[in-house]
Amino acid sequence: MKNHTKGSKGQLLQTNKKWSHLRQNQRKIISTLLKEAYIEKIKVHNRRLKPREHEDFLESVMSKIYNREIWIPDYEVEKYYKGKINKWYNKHIALEEKNDKEEKI
């Protein structure tokens, strides 16, 4: 079994697992963790994250994912995250602008 390794609890882990191999519930959990943490970072800094901040951010979220016992390679989560950050950022900015307009009325 060249694509498997033994985990810390003796279970087999697939080393070449893809995002699409995860169950729907696992995808939803990871997506929610990433989105909520990213929006929180944006609110704190009030700007887009810098490249080094992305790495630190992903490390913290990956530890939460592993604590939930979801195993997926880091590069798969990073690929998903980098594909979604612009959408999340633009949506957050649009919501802020909408709230500002409502407050002015």
C-alpha atoms as a PDB file:
ATOM      1  CA  MET A   1       0.000   0.000   0.000  1.00  0.00           C
ATOM      2  CA  LYS A   2       2.202   2.790  -1.292  1.00  0.00           C
ATOM      3  CA  ASN A   3      -0.368   5.552  -0.752  1.00  0.00           C
ATOM      4  CA  HIS A   4      -1.121   4.790   2.889  1.00  0.00           C
ATOM      5  CA  THR A   5       0.646   5.351   6.206  1.00  0.00           C
ATOM      6  CA  LYS A   6      -0.193   4.387   9.763  1.00  0.00           C
ATOM      7  CA  GLY A   7      -1.688   7.166  11.863  1.00  0.00           C
ATOM      8  CA  SER A   8      -1.051   7.891  15.522  1.00  0.00           C
ATOM      9  CA  LYS A   9      -4.012   5.736  16.547  1.00  0.00           C
ATOM     10  CA  GLY A  10      -3.023   2.837  14.295  1.00  0.00           C
ATOM     11  CA  GLN A  11      -5.484   3.677  11.546  1.00  0.00           C
ATOM     12  CA  LEU A  12      -4.513   3.833   7.878  1.00  0.00           C
ATOM     13  CA  LEU A  13      -4.219   7.319   6.364  1.00  0.00           C
ATOM     14  CA  GLN A  14      -4.350   7.900   2.627  1.00  0.00           C
ATOM     15  CA  THR A  15      -1.411  10.146   1.664  1.00  0.00           C
ATOM     16  CA  ASN A  16      -2.765  11.230  -1.719  1.00  0.00           C
ATOM     17  CA  LYS A  17      -6.267  12.171  -0.565  1.00  0.00           C
ATOM     18  CA  LYS A  18      -8.026  14.892  -2.542  1.00  0.00           C
ATOM     19  CA  TRP A  19     -10.657  17.448  -1.512  1.00  0.00           C
ATOM     20  CA  SER A  20     -13.279  15.509  -3.476  1.00  0.00           C
ATOM     21  CA  HIS A  21     -12.533  12.345  -1.456  1.00  0.00           C
ATOM     22  CA  LEU A  22     -13.817  13.954   1.738  1.00  0.00           C
ATOM     23  CA  ARG A  23     -17.369  13.392   2.912  1.00  0.00           C
ATOM     24  CA  GLN A  24     -19.779  16.303   2.498  1.00  0.00           C
ATOM     25  CA  ASN A  25     -19.883  16.915   6.243  1.00  0.00           C
ATOM     26  CA  GLN A  26     -16.076  17.076   6.448  1.00  0.00           C
ATOM     27  CA  ARG A  27     -15.923  19.552   3.549  1.00  0.00           C
ATOM     28  CA  LYS A  28     -18.534  21.725   5.244  1.00  0.00           C
ATOM     29  CA  ILE A  29     -16.631  21.703   8.556  1.00  0.00           C
ATOM     30  CA  ILE A  30     -13.334  22.673   6.903  1.00  0.00           C
ATOM     31  CA  SER A  31     -14.972  25.342   4.780  1.00  0.00           C
ATOM     32  CA  THR A  32     -16.723  26.862   7.794  1.00  0.00           C
ATOM     33  CA  LEU A  33     -13.535  26.872   9.871  1.00  0.00           C
ATOM     34  CA  LEU A  34     -11.604  28.588   7.091  1.00  0.00           C
ATOM     35  CA  LYS A  35     -14.274  31.170   6.308  1.00  0.00           C
ATOM     36  CA  GLU A  36     -14.987  32.162   9.902  1.00  0.00           C
ATOM     37  CA  ALA A  37     -11.311  32.472  10.779  1.00  0.00           C
ATOM     38  CA  TYR A  38     -10.564  34.455   7.601  1.00  0.00           C
ATOM     39  CA  ILE A  39     -13.428  36.915   8.183  1.00  0.00           C
ATOM     40  CA  GLU A  40     -12.250  37.352  11.774  1.00  0.00           C
ATOM     41  CA  LYS A  41      -8.703  38.173  10.571  1.00  0.00           C
ATOM     42  CA  ILE A  42     -10.059  40.668   8.034  1.00  0.00           C
ATOM     43  CA  LYS A  43     -12.071  42.424  10.747  1.00  0.00           C
ATOM     44  CA  VAL A  44      -8.999  42.716  12.980  1.00  0.00           C
ATOM     45  CA  HIS A  45      -6.617  44.038  10.305  1.00  0.00           C
ATOM     46  CA  ASN A  46      -9.246  45.782   8.139  1.00  0.00           C
ATOM     47  CA  ARG A  47      -7.386  44.754   4.959  1.00  0.00           C
ATOM     48  CA  ARG A  48      -6.430  41.693   2.918  1.00  0.00           C
ATOM     49  CA  LEU A  49      -3.886  39.352   4.489  1.00  0.00           C
ATOM     50  CA  LYS A  50      -0.236  39.437   3.468  1.00  0.00           C
ATOM     51  CA  PRO A  51       1.451  36.256   2.133  1.00  0.00           C
ATOM     52  CA  ARG A  52       3.165  35.407   5.442  1.00  0.00           C
ATOM     53  CA  GLU A  53      -0.101  35.922   7.303  1.00  0.00           C
ATOM     54  CA  HIS A  54      -1.782  33.384   5.014  1.00  0.00           C
ATOM     55  CA  GLU A  55       0.764  30.749   6.058  1.00  0.00           C
ATOM     56  CA  ASP A  56       0.277  31.431   9.778  1.00  0.00           C
ATOM     57  CA  PHE A  57      -3.478  31.479   9.317  1.00  0.00           C
ATOM     58  CA  LEU A  58      -3.473  28.116   7.508  1.00  0.00           C
ATOM     59  CA  GLU A  59      -1.297  26.535  10.215  1.00  0.00           C
ATOM     60  CA  SER A  60      -3.760  27.523  12.923  1.00  0.00           C
ATOM     61  CA  VAL A  61      -6.769  26.262  10.962  1.00  0.00           C
ATOM     62  CA  MET A  62      -4.999  23.005  10.043  1.00  0.00           C
ATOM     63  CA  SER A  63      -4.439  22.266  13.729  1.00  0.00           C
ATOM     64  CA  LYS A  64      -8.196  22.672  14.298  1.00  0.00           C
ATOM     65  CA  ILE A  65      -8.890  20.327  11.378  1.00  0.00           C
ATOM     66  CA  TYR A  66      -6.530  17.664  12.737  1.00  0.00           C
ATOM     67  CA  ASN A  67      -8.078  18.041  16.210  1.00  0.00           C
ATOM     68  CA  ARG A  68     -11.399  17.081  14.623  1.00  0.00           C
ATOM     69  CA  GLU A  69      -9.634  13.966  13.252  1.00  0.00           C
ATOM     70  CA  ILE A  70     -10.133  14.911   9.617  1.00  0.00           C
ATOM     71  CA  TRP A  71      -7.052  13.912   7.653  1.00  0.00           C
ATOM     72  CA  ILE A  72      -6.290  15.715   4.413  1.00  0.00           C
ATOM     73  CA  PRO A  73      -2.933  16.941   3.049  1.00  0.00           C
ATOM     74  CA  ASP A  74      -2.103  20.593   3.738  1.00  0.00           C
ATOM     75  CA  TYR A  75      -1.738  21.434   0.056  1.00  0.00           C
ATOM     76  CA  GLU A  76      -5.342  20.392  -0.655  1.00  0.00           C
ATOM     77  CA  VAL A  77      -6.704  22.715   2.036  1.00  0.00           C
ATOM     78  CA  GLU A  78      -4.386  25.501   0.827  1.00  0.00           C
ATOM     79  CA  LYS A  79      -5.583  25.040  -2.757  1.00  0.00           C
ATOM     80  CA  TYR A  80      -9.225  25.255  -1.652  1.00  0.00           C
ATOM     81  CA  TYR A  81      -8.514  28.267   0.573  1.00  0.00           C
ATOM     82  CA  LYS A  82      -6.674  30.229  -2.125  1.00  0.00           C
ATOM     83  CA  GLY A  83      -9.556  29.611  -4.506  1.00  0.00           C
ATOM     84  CA  LYS A  84     -12.092  31.048  -2.052  1.00  0.00           C
ATOM     85  CA  ILE A  85     -10.391  34.012  -0.328  1.00  0.00           C
ATOM     86  CA  ASN A  86     -11.308  36.567  -2.990  1.00  0.00           C
ATOM     87  CA  LYS A  87     -14.957  35.516  -2.886  1.00  0.00           C
ATOM     88  CA  TRP A  88     -15.060  35.701   0.912  1.00  0.00           C
ATOM     89  CA  TYR A  89     -13.281  39.071   0.975  1.00  0.00           C
ATOM     90  CA  ASN A  90     -15.551  40.638  -1.660  1.00  0.00           C
ATOM     91  CA  LYS A  91     -18.666  39.320   0.069  1.00  0.00           C
ATOM     92  CA  HIS A  92     -17.485  40.704   3.407  1.00  0.00           C
ATOM     93  CA  ILE A  93     -16.779  44.148   1.895  1.00  0.00           C
ATOM     94  CA  ALA A  94     -20.194  44.185   0.171  1.00  0.00           C
ATOM     95  CA  LEU A  95     -21.941  43.362   3.468  1.00  0.00           C
ATOM     96  CA  GLU A  96     -20.031  46.128   5.265  1.00  0.00           C
ATOM     97  CA  GLU A  97     -20.972  48.675   2.587  1.00  0.00           C
ATOM     98  CA  LYS A  98     -24.606  47.591   2.759  1.00  0.00           C
ATOM     99  CA  ASN A  99     -24.600  47.976   6.543  1.00  0.00           C
ATOM    100  CA  ASP A 100     -22.998  51.425   6.254  1.00  0.00           C
ATOM    101  CA  LYS A 101     -25.710  52.557   3.809  1.00  0.00           C
ATOM    102  CA  GLU A 102     -28.443  51.282   6.127  1.00  0.00           C
ATOM    103  CA  GLU A 103     -26.925  53.147   9.082  1.00  0.00           C
ATOM    104  CA  LYS A 104     -26.869  56.417   7.117  1.00  0.00           C
ATOM    105  CA  ILE A 105     -30.585  56.165   6.343  1.00  0.00           C
END
